PDB file of N, CA and C in Angstrom:
ATOM      1  N   MET A   1     121.529 101.717 264.652  1.00  0.00           N
ATOM      2  CA  MET A   1     120.551 100.654 264.499  1.00  0.00           C
ATOM      3  C   MET A   1     119.686 100.621 265.748  1.00  0.00           C
ATOM      4  N   LEU A   2     118.396 100.586 265.533  1.00  0.00           N
ATOM      5  CA  LEU A   2     117.442 100.455 266.627  1.00  0.00           C
ATOM      6  C   LEU A   2     117.266  98.969 266.918  1.00  0.00           C
ATOM      7  N   VAL A   3     117.389  98.573 268.168  1.00  0.00           N
ATOM      8  CA  VAL A   3     117.222  97.168 268.562  1.00  0.00           C
ATOM      9  C   VAL A   3     116.028  97.081 269.506  1.00  0.00           C
ATOM     10  N   LEU A   4     115.078  96.224 269.158  1.00  0.00           N
ATOM     11  CA  LEU A   4     113.870  96.037 269.961  1.00  0.00           C
ATOM     12  C   LEU A   4     113.705  94.574 270.338  1.00  0.00           C
ATOM     13  N   THR A   5     113.093  94.331 271.453  1.00  0.00           N
ATOM     14  CA  THR A   5     112.723  92.984 271.853  1.00  0.00           C
ATOM     15  C   THR A   5     111.219  92.856 271.667  1.00  0.00           C
ATOM     16  N   ARG A   6     110.798  91.856 270.898  1.00  0.00           N
ATOM     17  CA  ARG A   6     109.380  91.646 270.635  1.00  0.00           C
ATOM     18  C   ARG A   6     109.051  90.178 270.890  1.00  0.00           C
ATOM     19  N   SER A   7     107.850  89.930 271.341  1.00  0.00           N
ATOM     20  CA  SER A   7     107.400  88.552 271.521  1.00  0.00           C
ATOM     21  C   SER A   7     106.558  88.152 270.309  1.00  0.00           C
ATOM     22  N   SER A   8     106.163  86.889 270.249  1.00  0.00           N
ATOM     23  CA  SER A   8     105.357  86.396 269.144  1.00  0.00           C
ATOM     24  C   SER A   8     104.071  87.207 269.028  1.00  0.00           C
ATOM     25  N   ASN A   9     103.678  87.504 267.805  1.00  0.00           N
ATOM     26  CA  ASN A   9     102.494  88.302 267.464  1.00  0.00           C
ATOM     27  C   ASN A   9     102.629  89.779 267.801  1.00  0.00           C
ATOM     28  N   ALA A  10     103.809  90.222 268.210  1.00  0.00           N
ATOM     29  CA  ALA A  10     104.044  91.650 268.450  1.00  0.00           C
ATOM     30  C   ALA A  10     104.611  92.252 267.176  1.00  0.00           C
ATOM     31  N   GLY A  11     104.301  93.515 266.940  1.00  0.00           N
ATOM     32  CA  GLY A  11     104.726  94.141 265.697  1.00  0.00           C
ATOM     33  C   GLY A  11     105.494  95.425 265.914  1.00  0.00           C
ATOM     34  N   VAL A  12     105.998  95.938 264.800  1.00  0.00           N
ATOM     35  CA  VAL A  12     106.699  97.211 264.773  1.00  0.00           C
ATOM     36  C   VAL A  12     106.172  97.968 263.560  1.00  0.00           C
ATOM     37  N   GLN A  13     105.825  99.218 263.753  1.00  0.00           N
ATOM     38  CA  GLN A  13     105.344 100.067 262.667  1.00  0.00           C
ATOM     39  C   GLN A  13     106.499 100.919 262.166  1.00  0.00           C
ATOM     40  N   ILE A  14     106.704 100.958 260.840  1.00  0.00           N
ATOM     41  CA  ILE A  14     107.745 101.780 260.224  1.00  0.00           C
ATOM     42  C   ILE A  14     107.037 102.795 259.340  1.00  0.00           C
ATOM     43  N   GLY A  15     107.096 104.042 259.730  1.00  0.00           N
ATOM     44  CA  GLY A  15     106.366 105.074 258.992  1.00  0.00           C
ATOM     45  C   GLY A  15     104.876 104.804 259.080  1.00  0.00           C
ATOM     46  N   ASP A  16     104.145 105.277 258.065  1.00  0.00           N
ATOM     47  CA  ASP A  16     102.693 105.088 258.053  1.00  0.00           C
ATOM     48  C   ASP A  16     102.267 103.821 257.324  1.00  0.00           C
ATOM     49  N   ASP A  17     103.159 103.275 256.483  1.00  0.00           N
ATOM     50  CA  ASP A  17     102.727 102.235 255.559  1.00  0.00           C
ATOM     51  C   ASP A  17     103.317 100.849 255.784  1.00  0.00           C
ATOM     52  N   ILE A  18     104.283 100.711 256.668  1.00  0.00           N
ATOM     53  CA  ILE A  18     104.973  99.422 256.793  1.00  0.00           C
ATOM     54  C   ILE A  18     104.837  98.897 258.213  1.00  0.00           C
ATOM     55  N   GLU A  19     104.474  97.619 258.318  1.00  0.00           N
ATOM     56  CA  GLU A  19     104.389  96.949 259.618  1.00  0.00           C
ATOM     57  C   GLU A  19     105.128  95.621 259.528  1.00  0.00           C
ATOM     58  N   VAL A  20     105.913  95.334 260.543  1.00  0.00           N
ATOM     59  CA  VAL A  20     106.624  94.058 260.659  1.00  0.00           C
ATOM     60  C   VAL A  20     106.095  93.370 261.909  1.00  0.00           C
ATOM     61  N   VAL A  21     105.674  92.109 261.765  1.00  0.00           N
ATOM     62  CA  VAL A  21     105.100  91.366 262.885  1.00  0.00           C
ATOM     63  C   VAL A  21     105.889  90.080 263.087  1.00  0.00           C
ATOM     64  N   VAL A  22     106.208  89.766 264.340  1.00  0.00           N
ATOM     65  CA  VAL A  22     106.839  88.488 264.679  1.00  0.00           C
ATOM     66  C   VAL A  22     105.721  87.448 264.686  1.00  0.00           C
ATOM     67  N   LEU A  23     105.775  86.523 263.718  1.00  0.00           N
ATOM     68  CA  LEU A  23     104.721  85.520 263.601  1.00  0.00           C
ATOM     69  C   LEU A  23     104.991  84.278 264.434  1.00  0.00           C
ATOM     70  N   GLU A  24     106.271  83.890 264.505  1.00  0.00           N
ATOM     71  CA  GLU A  24     106.608  82.649 265.197  1.00  0.00           C
ATOM     72  C   GLU A  24     108.077  82.671 265.597  1.00  0.00           C
ATOM     73  N   ILE A  25     108.353  82.069 266.746  1.00  0.00           N
ATOM     74  CA  ILE A  25     109.733  81.918 267.219  1.00  0.00           C
ATOM     75  C   ILE A  25     109.943  80.443 267.523  1.00  0.00           C
ATOM     76  N   LYS A  26     110.921  79.828 266.822  1.00  0.00           N
ATOM     77  CA  LYS A  26     111.268  78.426 267.064  1.00  0.00           C
ATOM     78  C   LYS A  26     112.775  78.349 267.226  1.00  0.00           C
ATOM     79  N   GLY A  27     113.246  78.117 268.420  1.00  0.00           N
ATOM     80  CA  GLY A  27     114.684  78.045 268.656  1.00  0.00           C
ATOM     81  C   GLY A  27     115.351  79.341 268.274  1.00  0.00           C
ATOM     82  N   ASP A  28     116.301  79.266 267.340  1.00  0.00           N
ATOM     83  CA  ASP A  28     116.999  80.488 266.927  1.00  0.00           C
ATOM     84  C   ASP A  28     116.454  81.032 265.605  1.00  0.00           C
ATOM     85  N   THR A  29     115.253  80.594 265.202  1.00  0.00           N
ATOM     86  CA  THR A  29     114.627  81.075 263.978  1.00  0.00           C
ATOM     87  C   THR A  29     113.398  81.905 264.308  1.00  0.00           C
ATOM     88  N   VAL A  30     113.295  83.045 263.661  1.00  0.00           N
ATOM     89  CA  VAL A  30     112.152  83.940 263.848  1.00  0.00           C
ATOM     90  C   VAL A  30     111.451  84.104 262.509  1.00  0.00           C
ATOM     91  N   LYS A  31     110.145  83.880 262.475  1.00  0.00           N
ATOM     92  CA  LYS A  31     109.362  84.071 261.262  1.00  0.00           C
ATOM     93  C   LYS A  31     108.710  85.452 261.357  1.00  0.00           C
ATOM     94  N   LEU A  32     108.975  86.295 260.340  1.00  0.00           N
ATOM     95  CA  LEU A  32     108.454  87.653 260.314  1.00  0.00           C
ATOM     96  C   LEU A  32     107.415  87.803 259.216  1.00  0.00           C
ATOM     97  N   GLY A  33     106.433  88.644 259.455  1.00  0.00           N
ATOM     98  CA  GLY A  33     105.452  89.009 258.438  1.00  0.00           C
ATOM     99  C   GLY A  33     105.586  90.489 258.142  1.00  0.00           C
ATOM    100  N   PHE A  34     105.488  90.859 256.864  1.00  0.00           N
ATOM    101  CA  PHE A  34     105.640  92.250 256.453  1.00  0.00           C
ATOM    102  C   PHE A  34     104.362  92.716 255.767  1.00  0.00           C
ATOM    103  N   SER A  35     103.902  93.885 256.151  1.00  0.00           N
ATOM    104  CA  SER A  35     102.781  94.533 255.498  1.00  0.00           C
ATOM    105  C   SER A  35     103.300  95.842 254.947  1.00  0.00           C
ATOM    106  N   ALA A  36     103.263  95.989 253.619  1.00  0.00           N
ATOM    107  CA  ALA A  36     103.792  97.199 252.991  1.00  0.00           C
ATOM    108  C   ALA A  36     103.118  97.385 251.641  1.00  0.00           C
ATOM    109  N   PRO A  37     103.121  98.598 251.127  1.00  0.00           N
ATOM    110  CA  PRO A  37     102.576  98.820 249.784  1.00  0.00           C
ATOM    111  C   PRO A  37     103.373  98.021 248.750  1.00  0.00           C
ATOM    112  N   ARG A  38     102.754  97.672 247.639  1.00  0.00           N
ATOM    113  CA  ARG A  38     103.422  96.894 246.597  1.00  0.00           C
ATOM    114  C   ARG A  38     104.630  97.625 246.024  1.00  0.00           C
ATOM    115  N   SER A  39     104.644  98.943 246.138  1.00  0.00           N
ATOM    116  CA  SER A  39     105.755  99.721 245.586  1.00  0.00           C
ATOM    117  C   SER A  39     107.028  99.596 246.431  1.00  0.00           C
ATOM    118  N   VAL A  40     106.912  99.046 247.639  1.00  0.00           N
ATOM    119  CA  VAL A  40     108.065  98.870 248.526  1.00  0.00           C
ATOM    120  C   VAL A  40     108.660  97.487 248.272  1.00  0.00           C
ATOM    121  N   ARG A  41     109.925  97.468 247.878  1.00  0.00           N
ATOM    122  CA  ARG A  41     110.609  96.198 247.607  1.00  0.00           C
ATOM    123  C   ARG A  41     111.157  95.659 248.925  1.00  0.00           C
ATOM    124  N   ILE A  42     110.813  94.417 249.247  1.00  0.00           N
ATOM    125  CA  ILE A  42     111.292  93.769 250.473  1.00  0.00           C
ATOM    126  C   ILE A  42     112.096  92.546 250.056  1.00  0.00           C
ATOM    127  N   LEU A  43     113.393  92.532 250.398  1.00  0.00           N
ATOM    128  CA  LEU A  43     114.279  91.438 250.037  1.00  0.00           C
ATOM    129  C   LEU A  43     115.044  90.950 251.258  1.00  0.00           C
ATOM    130  N   ARG A  44     115.353  89.657 251.274  1.00  0.00           N
ATOM    131  CA  ARG A  44     116.277  89.148 252.287  1.00  0.00           C
ATOM    132  C   ARG A  44     117.641  89.763 252.004  1.00  0.00           C
ATOM    133  N   SER A  45     118.435  89.984 253.036  1.00  0.00           N
ATOM    134  CA  SER A  45     119.742  90.645 252.897  1.00  0.00           C
ATOM    135  C   SER A  45     120.631  89.949 251.879  1.00  0.00           C
ATOM    136  N   GLU A  46     120.682  88.619 251.923  1.00  0.00           N
ATOM    137  CA  GLU A  46     121.585  87.905 251.014  1.00  0.00           C
ATOM    138  C   GLU A  46     121.151  88.061 249.556  1.00  0.00           C
ATOM    139  N   ILE A  47     119.862  88.185 249.307  1.00  0.00           N
ATOM    140  CA  ILE A  47     119.375  88.391 247.942  1.00  0.00           C
ATOM    141  C   ILE A  47     119.714  89.805 247.476  1.00  0.00           C
ATOM    142  N   ALA A  48     119.529  90.792 248.345  1.00  0.00           N
ATOM    143  CA  ALA A  48     119.865  92.178 247.997  1.00  0.00           C
ATOM    144  C   ALA A  48     121.356  92.302 247.691  1.00  0.00           C
ATOM    145  N   GLU A  49     122.203  91.633 248.466  1.00  0.00           N
ATOM    146  CA  GLU A  49     123.649  91.668 248.227  1.00  0.00           C
ATOM    147  C   GLU A  49     123.995  91.002 246.904  1.00  0.00           C
ATOM    148  N   GLN A  50     123.333  89.894 246.585  1.00  0.00           N
ATOM    149  CA  GLN A  50     123.585  89.188 245.328  1.00  0.00           C
ATOM    150  C   GLN A  50     123.195  90.070 244.138  1.00  0.00           C
ATOM    151  N   ILE A  51     122.060  90.727 244.213  1.00  0.00           N
ATOM    152  CA  ILE A  51     121.615  91.619 243.142  1.00  0.00           C
ATOM    153  C   ILE A  51     122.604  92.759 242.964  1.00  0.00           C
ATOM    154  N   SER A  52     123.051  93.343 244.060  1.00  0.00           N
ATOM    155  CA  SER A  52     124.011  94.441 244.007  1.00  0.00           C
ATOM    156  C   SER A  52     125.314  93.987 243.356  1.00  0.00           C
ATOM    157  N   SER A  53     125.799  92.813 243.744  1.00  0.00           N
ATOM    158  CA  SER A  53     127.039  92.271 243.185  1.00  0.00           C
ATOM    159  C   SER A  53     126.888  92.010 241.683  1.00  0.00           C
ATOM    160  N   GLU A  54     125.765  91.425 241.271  1.00  0.00           N
ATOM    161  CA  GLU A  54     125.531  91.153 239.861  1.00  0.00           C
ATOM    162  C   GLU A  54     125.440  92.448 239.063  1.00  0.00           C
ATOM    163  N   ASN A  55     124.817  93.471 239.632  1.00  0.00           N
ATOM    164  CA  ASN A  55     124.733  94.766 238.956  1.00  0.00           C
ATOM    165  C   ASN A  55     126.118  95.382 238.784  1.00  0.00           C
ATOM    166  N   GLN A  56     126.962  95.285 239.808  1.00  0.00           N
ATOM    167  CA  GLN A  56     128.312  95.822 239.713  1.00  0.00           C
ATOM    168  C   GLN A  56     129.113  95.066 238.656  1.00  0.00           C
ATOM    169  N   ASN A  57     129.011  93.741 238.628  1.00  0.00           N
ATOM    170  CA  ASN A  57     129.720  92.940 237.632  1.00  0.00           C
ATOM    171  C   ASN A  57     129.252  93.285 236.223  1.00  0.00           C
ATOM    172  N   SER A  58     127.966  93.500 236.059  1.00  0.00           N
ATOM    173  CA  SER A  58     127.409  93.852 234.761  1.00  0.00           C
ATOM    174  C   SER A  58     127.930  95.220 234.307  1.00  0.00           C
ATOM    175  N   ALA A  59     128.032  96.156 235.240  1.00  0.00           N
ATOM    176  CA  ALA A  59     128.541  97.495 234.911  1.00  0.00           C
ATOM    177  C   ALA A  59     129.993  97.415 234.467  1.00  0.00           C
ATOM    178  N   VAL A  60     130.786  96.568 235.106  1.00  0.00           N
ATOM    179  CA  VAL A  60     132.198  96.408 234.736  1.00  0.00           C
ATOM    180  C   VAL A  60     132.299  95.809 233.339  1.00  0.00           C
ATOM    181  N   ARG A  61     131.478  94.775 233.053  1.00  0.00           N
ATOM    182  CA  ARG A  61     131.502  94.159 231.723  1.00  0.00           C
ATOM    183  C   ARG A  61     131.075  95.158 230.650  1.00  0.00           C
ATOM    184  N   THR A  62     130.059  95.971 230.941  1.00  0.00           N
ATOM    185  CA  THR A  62     129.593  96.967 229.984  1.00  0.00           C
ATOM    186  C   THR A  62     130.671  98.003 229.731  1.00  0.00           C
ATOM    187  N   ALA A  63     131.348  98.438 230.790  1.00  0.00           N
ATOM    188  CA  ALA A  63     132.417  99.424 230.643  1.00  0.00           C
ATOM    189  C   ALA A  63     133.549  98.861 229.792  1.00  0.00           C
ATOM    190  N   SER A  64     133.885  97.596 229.976  1.00  0.00           N
ATOM    191  CA  SER A  64     134.970  97.014 229.185  1.00  0.00           C
ATOM    192  C   SER A  64     134.553  96.847 227.726  1.00  0.00           C
ATOM    193  N   LEU A  65     133.275  96.601 227.463  1.00  0.00           N
ATOM    194  CA  LEU A  65     132.792  96.508 226.081  1.00  0.00           C
ATOM    195  C   LEU A  65     132.848  97.861 225.388  1.00  0.00           C
ATOM    196  N   ASN A  66     132.676  98.935 226.147  1.00  0.00           N
ATOM    197  CA  ASN A  66     132.716 100.272 225.570  1.00  0.00           C
ATOM    198  C   ASN A  66     134.120 100.636 225.101  1.00  0.00           C
ATOM    199  N   ASN A  67     135.141  99.937 225.575  1.00  0.00           N
ATOM    200  CA  ASN A  67     136.520 100.224 225.197  1.00  0.00           C
ATOM    201  C   ASN A  67     136.990  99.426 223.985  1.00  0.00           C
ATOM    202  N   ILE A  68     136.133  98.595 223.445  1.00  0.00           N
ATOM    203  CA  ILE A  68     136.508  97.785 222.287  1.00  0.00           C
ATOM    204  C   ILE A  68     136.440  98.658 221.029  1.00  0.00           C
ATOM    205  N   ALA A  69     137.499  98.612 220.231  1.00  0.00           N
ATOM    206  CA  ALA A  69     137.525  99.368 218.979  1.00  0.00           C
ATOM    207  C   ALA A  69     137.014  98.477 217.860  1.00  0.00           C
ATOM    208  N   PHE A  70     136.061  98.968 217.106  1.00  0.00           N
ATOM    209  CA  PHE A  70     135.515  98.238 215.974  1.00  0.00           C
ATOM    210  C   PHE A  70     136.036  98.877 214.694  1.00  0.00           C
ATOM    211  N   PRO A  71     136.432  98.077 213.707  1.00  0.00           N
ATOM    212  CA  PRO A  71     136.899  98.650 212.449  1.00  0.00           C
ATOM    213  C   PRO A  71     135.740  99.328 211.720  1.00  0.00           C
ATOM    214  N   ALA A  72     136.060 100.396 211.004  1.00  0.00           N
ATOM    215  CA  ALA A  72     135.043 101.104 210.249  1.00  0.00           C
ATOM    216  C   ALA A  72     134.574 100.233 209.093  1.00  0.00           C
ATOM    217  N   LEU A  73     133.320 100.210 208.848  1.00  0.00           N
ATOM    218  CA  LEU A  73     132.763  99.443 207.730  1.00  0.00           C
ATOM    219  C   LEU A  73     132.616 100.362 206.539  1.00  0.00           C
ATOM    220  N   GLU A  74     133.020  99.858 205.384  1.00  0.00           N
ATOM    221  CA  GLU A  74     132.891 100.644 204.168  1.00  0.00           C
ATOM    222  C   GLU A  74     131.528 100.376 203.553  1.00  0.00           C
ATOM    223  N   ALA A  75     130.925 101.432 203.061  1.00  0.00           N
ATOM    224  CA  ALA A  75     129.625 101.284 202.412  1.00  0.00           C
ATOM    225  C   ALA A  75     129.830 100.691 201.029  1.00  0.00           C
ATOM    226  N   THR A  76     128.977  99.754 200.658  1.00  0.00           N
ATOM    227  CA  THR A  76     129.059  99.167 199.330  1.00  0.00           C
ATOM    228  C   THR A  76     127.824  99.591 198.548  1.00  0.00           C
ATOM    229  N   SER A  77     128.002  99.784 197.263  1.00  0.00           N
ATOM    230  CA  SER A  77     126.849 100.195 196.464  1.00  0.00           C
ATOM    231  C   SER A  77     126.454  99.154 195.456  1.00  0.00           C
TER     232      SER A  77
END
């Protein structure tokens, strides 16, 4: 992990397309601004973890549904 010290209004460039700027510092809270193409998904860590957990739970439920045996249906004429 790269650790940098930045003051208010100072930024960090990531690759050619992403910039992170420190907008405000109040006590132990830092407000960040992100500039990135729309194709880049930017999420808070806790939201990304929640999505990952929900996806894993959904995969487990789907896998358990695949193990259910359904009785064969007879065709009626």
